[in-house]
Protein backbone atom coordinates (compact mmCIF):
# COMPACT_ATOMS: atom_id res chain seq x y z
CA GLU A 1 63.85 -102.70 0.06
CA ASP A 2 67.37 -101.28 0.41
CA GLU A 3 67.35 -99.89 -2.80
CA LYS A 4 64.30 -97.86 -2.06
CA ASN A 5 65.65 -96.35 1.08
CA ASN A 6 68.79 -95.33 -0.52
CA LEU A 7 66.76 -93.17 -2.98
CA ARG A 8 64.33 -91.93 -0.53
CA LYS A 9 67.37 -91.16 1.47
CA GLY A 10 69.24 -89.44 -1.70
CA ILE A 11 66.06 -87.31 -1.69
CA ASP A 12 66.69 -85.95 2.08
CA ARG A 13 70.46 -85.69 1.53
CA LEU A 14 69.67 -83.04 -1.48
CA PHE A 15 67.28 -81.19 0.37
CA ALA A 16 69.91 -80.96 3.34
CA LEU A 17 72.62 -79.87 0.64
CA LEU A 18 70.30 -77.08 -1.06
CA THR A 19 69.24 -75.67 2.37
CA GLU A 20 73.02 -75.63 3.02
CA TYR A 21 73.72 -73.63 -0.03
CA LEU A 22 70.75 -71.40 0.66
CA GLU A 23 71.88 -70.55 4.08
CA SER A 24 75.20 -69.46 3.49
CA LYS A 25 76.45 -66.37 1.79
CA SER A 26 75.36 -65.77 -1.84
CA GLY A 27 78.09 -64.57 -4.80
CA GLU A 28 77.15 -61.48 -7.32
CA ASP A 29 77.50 -64.05 -10.25
CA TYR A 30 73.49 -64.77 -11.01
CA ASP A 31 74.48 -67.50 -13.62
CA TYR A 32 76.79 -69.04 -11.75
CA GLU A 33 74.25 -69.43 -8.26
CA TYR A 34 71.12 -70.09 -10.86
CA ASP A 35 72.92 -73.56 -12.26
CA GLN A 36 73.39 -74.26 -8.06
CA VAL A 37 69.99 -74.08 -7.51
CA VAL A 38 67.57 -75.39 -10.57
CA SER A 39 70.24 -78.17 -11.24
CA PHE A 40 68.02 -80.02 -7.60
CA GLY A 41 64.97 -80.37 -9.86
CA GLU A 42 66.89 -82.79 -12.13
CA LEU A 43 68.39 -84.20 -9.41
CA TRP A 44 65.19 -85.02 -7.15
CA SER A 45 62.91 -85.82 -10.11
CA THR A 46 64.92 -88.59 -11.50
CA THR A 47 65.58 -89.61 -7.62
CA LEU A 48 61.66 -89.84 -7.71
CA VAL A 49 61.01 -91.85 -11.50
CA ALA A 50 64.04 -94.46 -10.22
CA ASP A 51 62.46 -95.17 -6.88
CA TYR A 52 59.55 -95.48 -8.64
CA LEU A 53 60.76 -98.17 -10.96
CA VAL A 54 62.00 -99.87 -8.34
CA SER A 55 58.81 -100.09 -6.13
CA THR A 56 57.33 -101.54 -9.96
CA GLY A 57 60.19 -104.50 -9.66
CA HIS A 58 62.82 -102.78 -11.86
CA SER A 59 66.76 -103.22 -11.80
CA VAL A 60 67.56 -99.59 -11.69
CA GLU A 61 70.42 -97.54 -10.57
CA TRP A 62 70.47 -94.02 -10.31
CA LEU A 63 73.40 -91.93 -11.72
CA ASP A 64 74.40 -88.22 -11.05
CA ILE A 65 75.40 -87.25 -14.30
CA ARG A 66 77.22 -84.40 -13.32
CA ASN A 67 80.13 -86.57 -12.51
CA TYR A 68 80.47 -88.05 -16.07
CA LEU A 69 79.41 -85.04 -18.60
CA ILE A 70 81.97 -82.54 -18.09
CA THR A 71 81.66 -78.89 -19.54
CA ASP A 72 83.12 -75.43 -19.40
CA ASP A 73 81.88 -73.08 -16.81
CA ARG A 74 80.02 -71.06 -19.22
CA TYR A 75 77.04 -71.21 -16.68
CA ARG A 76 73.03 -71.46 -17.84
CA ASP A 77 75.01 -72.53 -21.39
CA ALA A 78 77.69 -75.07 -21.02
CA ASP A 79 79.86 -76.71 -23.88
CA VAL A 80 80.47 -79.97 -23.52
CA LEU A 81 83.92 -81.21 -23.02
CA TRP A 82 83.55 -83.88 -25.44
CA SER A 83 86.60 -85.76 -24.94
CA GLU A 84 86.58 -86.16 -21.53
CA SER A 85 82.91 -86.90 -20.87
CA THR A 86 83.27 -89.74 -23.62
CA SER A 87 85.99 -90.91 -21.81
CA ARG A 88 83.83 -90.83 -18.72
CA ILE A 89 80.47 -91.69 -19.99
CA ARG A 90 81.56 -94.96 -21.55
CA SER A 91 83.56 -96.31 -18.61
CA ARG A 92 80.44 -95.75 -15.68
CA PHE A 93 77.93 -96.90 -17.87
CA ALA A 94 79.74 -100.04 -19.09
CA ARG A 95 80.47 -100.82 -15.10
CA SER A 96 76.63 -100.72 -14.60
CA GLU A 97 75.09 -104.35 -13.89
CA LYS A 98 71.30 -102.69 -13.70
CA GLU A 99 68.68 -102.98 -16.19
CA ILE A 100 68.01 -99.32 -16.27
CA ILE A 101 69.98 -96.37 -15.74
CA VAL A 102 68.33 -93.58 -14.51
CA THR A 103 70.13 -90.11 -14.94
CA GLN A 104 69.26 -86.13 -15.41
CA GLY A 105 69.49 -84.22 -18.11
CA CYS A 106 70.26 -80.30 -18.93
CA ILE A 107 72.83 -80.77 -15.92
CA GLY A 108 76.74 -81.38 -15.92
CA GLY A 109 79.87 -80.34 -14.28
CA THR A 110 83.20 -78.84 -14.54
CA ALA A 111 86.55 -80.87 -14.38
CA ILE A 112 86.47 -79.90 -10.66
CA GLY A 113 83.12 -80.34 -9.83
CA THR A 114 81.36 -77.66 -10.15
CA THR A 115 77.41 -77.66 -11.17
CA THR A 116 76.30 -76.61 -14.90
CA THR A 117 73.75 -76.18 -17.21
CA LEU A 118 72.95 -76.83 -20.97
CA GLY A 119 70.68 -73.86 -21.88
CA ARG A 120 67.62 -73.76 -23.25
CA GLU A 121 65.90 -77.78 -24.03
CA GLY A 122 69.24 -79.11 -22.36
CA SER A 123 67.47 -82.60 -21.84
CA ASP A 124 67.02 -83.27 -24.70
CA TYR A 125 70.92 -81.97 -25.69
CA THR A 126 71.67 -84.72 -22.52
CA ALA A 127 69.90 -87.26 -24.56
CA ALA A 128 71.76 -87.00 -28.01
CA ILE A 129 75.24 -86.62 -26.20
CA LEU A 130 74.68 -89.88 -24.35
CA ALA A 131 73.44 -91.94 -27.19
CA ASN A 132 76.27 -90.49 -29.62
CA ILE A 133 79.11 -91.18 -26.86
CA LEU A 134 77.28 -94.59 -26.13
CA ASP A 135 76.19 -95.56 -29.89
CA ALA A 136 72.47 -95.57 -29.34
CA GLU A 137 70.45 -97.48 -31.75
CA LYS A 138 67.55 -94.39 -31.53
CA VAL A 139 66.84 -91.35 -29.50
CA VAL A 140 62.98 -91.30 -28.51
CA VAL A 141 62.02 -87.64 -26.61
CA TRP A 142 58.45 -86.89 -25.02
CA LYS A 143 56.53 -84.24 -25.69
CA ASP A 144 52.93 -82.30 -25.46
CA VAL A 145 52.68 -82.33 -29.46
CA PRO A 146 52.32 -85.48 -31.88
CA GLY A 147 55.44 -84.45 -33.43
CA PHE A 148 56.97 -82.02 -36.14
CA LEU A 149 54.02 -79.97 -37.19
CA ASN A 150 53.83 -78.20 -40.67
CA CYS A 151 52.60 -75.19 -38.79
CA ASP A 152 51.56 -74.01 -34.83
CA PRO A 153 48.09 -74.89 -35.02
CA LYS A 154 47.29 -71.53 -32.34
CA TRP A 155 48.83 -69.36 -34.88
CA LEU A 156 47.51 -71.10 -38.55
CA ASP A 157 44.28 -73.54 -39.03
CA GLY A 158 45.30 -76.85 -41.04
CA ALA A 159 48.15 -78.19 -39.46
CA VAL A 160 49.69 -81.47 -40.93
CA ARG A 161 51.93 -83.77 -38.93
CA LEU A 162 55.18 -84.89 -40.64
CA GLY A 163 55.62 -88.37 -40.66
CA GLU A 164 59.31 -87.80 -41.25
CA ILE A 165 62.10 -85.29 -42.01
CA SER A 166 65.65 -85.11 -42.44
CA TYR A 167 68.44 -84.05 -40.05
CA LYS A 168 68.86 -80.78 -41.80
CA GLU A 169 65.03 -79.57 -42.07
CA ALA A 170 65.06 -80.44 -38.38
CA VAL A 171 67.80 -77.88 -37.70
CA GLU A 172 66.27 -75.55 -40.34
CA MET A 173 62.64 -75.34 -38.35
CA SER A 174 64.05 -75.22 -34.99
CA PHE A 175 66.25 -72.51 -35.78
CA SER A 176 63.77 -70.44 -37.36
CA GLY A 177 61.36 -70.83 -34.29
CA ALA A 178 60.02 -74.43 -33.89
CA LYS A 179 59.76 -75.27 -30.46
CA VAL A 180 59.45 -79.14 -30.09
CA ILE A 181 63.33 -79.88 -30.60
CA HIS A 182 66.46 -77.14 -30.55
CA PRO A 183 68.81 -77.45 -33.11
CA LYS A 184 71.63 -78.31 -30.87
CA THR A 185 70.13 -81.75 -30.06
CA ILE A 186 70.27 -82.90 -33.77
CA LYS A 187 74.01 -82.51 -34.42
CA PRO A 188 75.32 -85.41 -32.15
CA LEU A 189 72.48 -87.65 -33.52
CA HIS A 190 73.61 -86.93 -37.31
CA ASN A 191 77.14 -87.49 -36.28
CA LYS A 192 76.66 -90.99 -35.64
CA ASN A 193 73.16 -91.61 -38.02
CA ILE A 194 71.08 -92.18 -35.06
CA PRO A 195 67.22 -91.70 -35.86
CA LEU A 196 65.50 -89.81 -33.84
CA TYR A 197 61.30 -90.03 -32.73
CA ILE A 198 59.56 -87.52 -31.72
CA ARG A 199 56.39 -88.73 -29.45
CA SER A 200 53.49 -87.65 -27.90
CA PHE A 201 53.06 -88.45 -24.33
CA LEU A 202 49.28 -87.22 -24.56
CA ASP A 203 48.80 -90.10 -27.26
CA PRO A 204 51.78 -92.50 -26.82
CA LEU A 205 50.68 -94.62 -29.76
CA SER A 206 50.54 -92.10 -31.83
CA GLU A 207 53.48 -92.43 -34.70
CA GLY A 208 55.07 -88.71 -34.19
CA THR A 209 57.81 -87.78 -36.55
CA VAL A 210 61.11 -89.44 -37.19
CA VAL A 211 64.35 -87.56 -38.06
CA THR A 212 66.86 -89.28 -39.59
CA SER A 213 69.61 -88.76 -42.85
CA ALA A 214 67.42 -90.51 -45.00
CA PRO A 215 63.62 -89.74 -44.79
CA GLY A 216 60.93 -91.58 -46.73
CA ASP A 217 57.93 -89.50 -47.19
CA ALA A 218 58.53 -87.42 -50.54
CA TYR A 219 56.12 -85.00 -49.97
CA ASP A 220 56.52 -80.58 -50.84
CA ILE A 221 53.68 -79.23 -48.19
CA PRO A 222 54.73 -75.75 -47.15
CA VAL A 223 56.12 -75.48 -43.34
CA PHE A 224 55.29 -72.29 -41.69
CA ILE A 225 56.98 -71.04 -38.44
CA ARG A 226 56.81 -67.80 -36.58
CA LYS A 227 59.83 -66.52 -34.43
CA GLU A 228 58.31 -63.87 -32.06
CA ASN A 229 59.53 -61.63 -29.42
CA GLN A 230 62.00 -59.95 -31.96
CA MET A 231 64.61 -56.89 -32.40
CA LEU A 232 65.64 -55.40 -35.40
CA ILE A 233 68.90 -53.81 -35.85
CA SER A 234 70.91 -52.21 -38.27
CA VAL A 235 74.41 -51.10 -38.30
CA LEU A 236 75.36 -48.14 -40.89
CA PRO A 237 78.68 -46.79 -41.10
CA ILE A 238 79.20 -43.08 -40.54
CA ASP A 239 81.41 -42.39 -42.79
CA PHE A 240 80.45 -44.89 -45.37
CA SER A 241 83.18 -47.15 -44.55
CA PHE A 242 81.42 -50.11 -44.56
CA VAL A 243 81.07 -53.05 -44.41
CA MET A 244 82.90 -55.83 -45.41
CA GLY A 245 86.03 -56.91 -43.44
CA ASP A 246 86.90 -55.85 -39.95
CA ASN A 247 84.12 -53.78 -39.74
CA LEU A 248 81.47 -57.02 -40.14
CA SER A 249 84.40 -58.44 -37.27
CA LEU A 250 83.84 -56.08 -34.96
CA VAL A 251 80.09 -55.21 -35.13
CA PHE A 252 79.72 -59.52 -34.64
CA HIS A 253 82.03 -59.71 -31.89
CA GLY A 254 80.18 -57.17 -29.87
CA PHE A 255 77.22 -59.44 -30.21
CA MET A 256 79.31 -62.35 -29.15
CA VAL A 257 81.00 -60.57 -26.48
CA HIS A 258 77.46 -59.50 -24.92
CA GLY A 259 75.91 -62.93 -25.13
CA ILE A 260 73.33 -61.97 -27.94
CA LYS A 261 72.72 -64.98 -30.24
CA VAL A 262 71.38 -63.87 -34.29
CA ASN A 263 68.81 -65.42 -35.61
CA LEU A 264 68.99 -63.59 -39.09
CA VAL A 265 71.57 -61.50 -40.78
CA GLN A 266 71.62 -59.32 -43.94
CA ALA A 267 74.67 -57.31 -45.07
CA SER A 268 74.79 -54.71 -47.80
CA ALA A 269 77.29 -52.71 -48.91
CA VAL A 270 76.60 -49.76 -46.33
CA SER A 271 74.45 -51.83 -43.50
CA ILE A 272 74.35 -54.66 -41.52
CA ASN A 273 70.55 -55.70 -40.51
CA VAL A 274 70.46 -58.32 -37.72
CA CYS A 275 67.26 -60.01 -35.43
CA ILE A 276 67.61 -60.91 -32.29
CA ASP A 277 65.55 -62.47 -29.48
CA TYR A 278 64.75 -59.01 -27.14
CA GLU A 279 66.71 -59.04 -24.06
CA PRO A 280 66.65 -55.67 -22.93
CA GLN A 281 69.56 -55.57 -20.78
CA LYS A 282 72.09 -57.23 -23.35
CA ILE A 283 70.96 -55.11 -26.48
CA ARG A 284 71.35 -51.73 -24.34
CA ASN A 285 74.49 -52.56 -23.56
CA LEU A 286 75.04 -53.54 -27.15
CA ILE A 287 73.64 -50.74 -28.19
CA GLU A 288 75.63 -48.69 -26.44
CA GLU A 289 78.62 -50.04 -27.23
CA LEU A 290 77.86 -49.92 -31.16
CA SER A 291 77.00 -46.45 -31.01
CA LYS A 292 80.53 -44.97 -30.07
CA GLU A 293 81.72 -46.22 -33.78
CA TYR A 294 78.16 -46.32 -36.15
CA LYS A 295 74.95 -45.22 -36.30
CA VAL A 296 72.90 -48.00 -34.67
CA ILE A 297 68.51 -47.55 -35.76
CA TYR A 298 66.50 -50.84 -34.43
CA ASN A 299 62.62 -52.05 -34.87
CA GLU A 300 61.05 -53.33 -31.72
CA ASP A 301 58.33 -55.77 -31.40
CA VAL A 302 58.82 -57.73 -34.86
CA GLU A 303 58.81 -61.47 -35.54
CA ILE A 304 60.18 -63.54 -38.03
CA ILE A 305 58.31 -65.49 -40.27
CA THR A 306 59.55 -68.73 -42.44
CA VAL A 307 58.16 -70.45 -45.14
CA MET A 308 59.98 -73.48 -45.66
CA ARG A 309 59.52 -75.35 -48.91
CA HIS A 310 57.06 -72.04 -50.76
CA ASN A 311 55.41 -71.43 -53.32
CA PRO A 312 53.34 -67.99 -54.22
CA GLU A 313 50.37 -69.31 -52.22
CA ALA A 314 51.99 -70.45 -49.26
CA VAL A 315 53.83 -66.75 -48.76
CA LYS A 316 50.44 -64.79 -49.21
CA LYS A 317 48.93 -67.05 -46.41
CA VAL A 318 50.86 -65.60 -43.98
CA ILE A 319 52.36 -62.46 -45.27
CA SER A 320 49.29 -60.55 -47.26
CA GLY A 321 48.78 -57.75 -45.38
CA ARG A 322 51.79 -57.40 -43.44
CA GLU A 323 54.00 -54.48 -43.10
CA ILE A 324 57.73 -56.36 -44.65
CA LEU A 325 60.86 -55.07 -42.92
CA LEU A 326 63.35 -57.27 -44.59
CA GLU A 327 63.18 -60.43 -46.87
CA GLN A 328 65.89 -63.42 -47.54
CA LYS A 329 64.91 -65.32 -50.32
CA THR A 330 66.48 -68.88 -51.42
CA ARG A 331 65.12 -71.98 -53.34
CA ARG A 332 63.88 -73.55 -50.24
CA VAL A 333 62.97 -71.27 -48.18
CA VAL A 334 61.79 -67.58 -47.50
CA ARG A 335 61.96 -65.53 -44.40
CA PHE A 336 60.49 -62.38 -43.89
CA VAL A 337 60.58 -59.64 -40.41
CA VAL A 338 57.42 -58.07 -40.04
CA ARG A 339 56.02 -56.01 -37.55
CA ARG A 340 53.97 -57.43 -35.37
CA GLU A 341 50.21 -58.40 -35.78
CA LEU A 342 48.38 -55.65 -33.31
CA GLN A 343 45.37 -58.17 -31.48
CA ASN A 344 41.97 -57.02 -32.12
């Protein structure tokens, strides 16, 4: 009863803290303000989960991860400070005498106690970080899909669940646009050879997908991935002085400074072609800067289509009739930048 009362008092305290924060004068740094506010969602939800587990008779400790998962101050996409986080997490988790520890995903804190968030799919990433630091046996994430599929069933018919895939394939699929797991979640698990199980909360008894270093399934089913809402930018020299060396470095420094992540790049003697997520304000600023030194042309409303374990029939299935703006091909992966299909 005391634990339940403490948890409920914790919710009231969190509401009071947020109210006080919102009534104070806000700053001009949107990313900073974002992290301070949205983090309360994780704090409330985990408090409710802990309260429920206590009510069902479990021995539970609720832990504020912001005091232990330490990051830099790059708000909305913070980087983990691994050495400090490892020391704090191992020490604190080892002291717990409870059956279950409930803590938050996606959020962390700086060394001076300011709240940060870890970016897209940050909760899965948090699970991978904790698993790595605590040498976990496995990680299980629950999704609204049955695991990794060889295509998005909303896009193509005949989707097939992939029972086992390698860490490398998971990273390639995620980077190419598969939304099941973010690529950064895989690295901490791969480093410690910790298997990742992806299960469906809509069908808890289904097998899902396991991501491991040595998958048992030997199959060559083509995998189709579509990354929508893209923009293709071509950067060309004004005087044909391009493209390698200093110019290449300067161009990509511009992308980094403006916080734009590159999804695909192809360089030739006289141009760099880059495909990125369509983020209008960041892109306008980048193009304005690049145009001072280079000629910049671009195509909006394009898609990246990736076919892994490709064969001619598989490629034809997704590219037939499409206008191809750029193509990249290796032994097992082929990527196309194409114009978006108009809906009838």
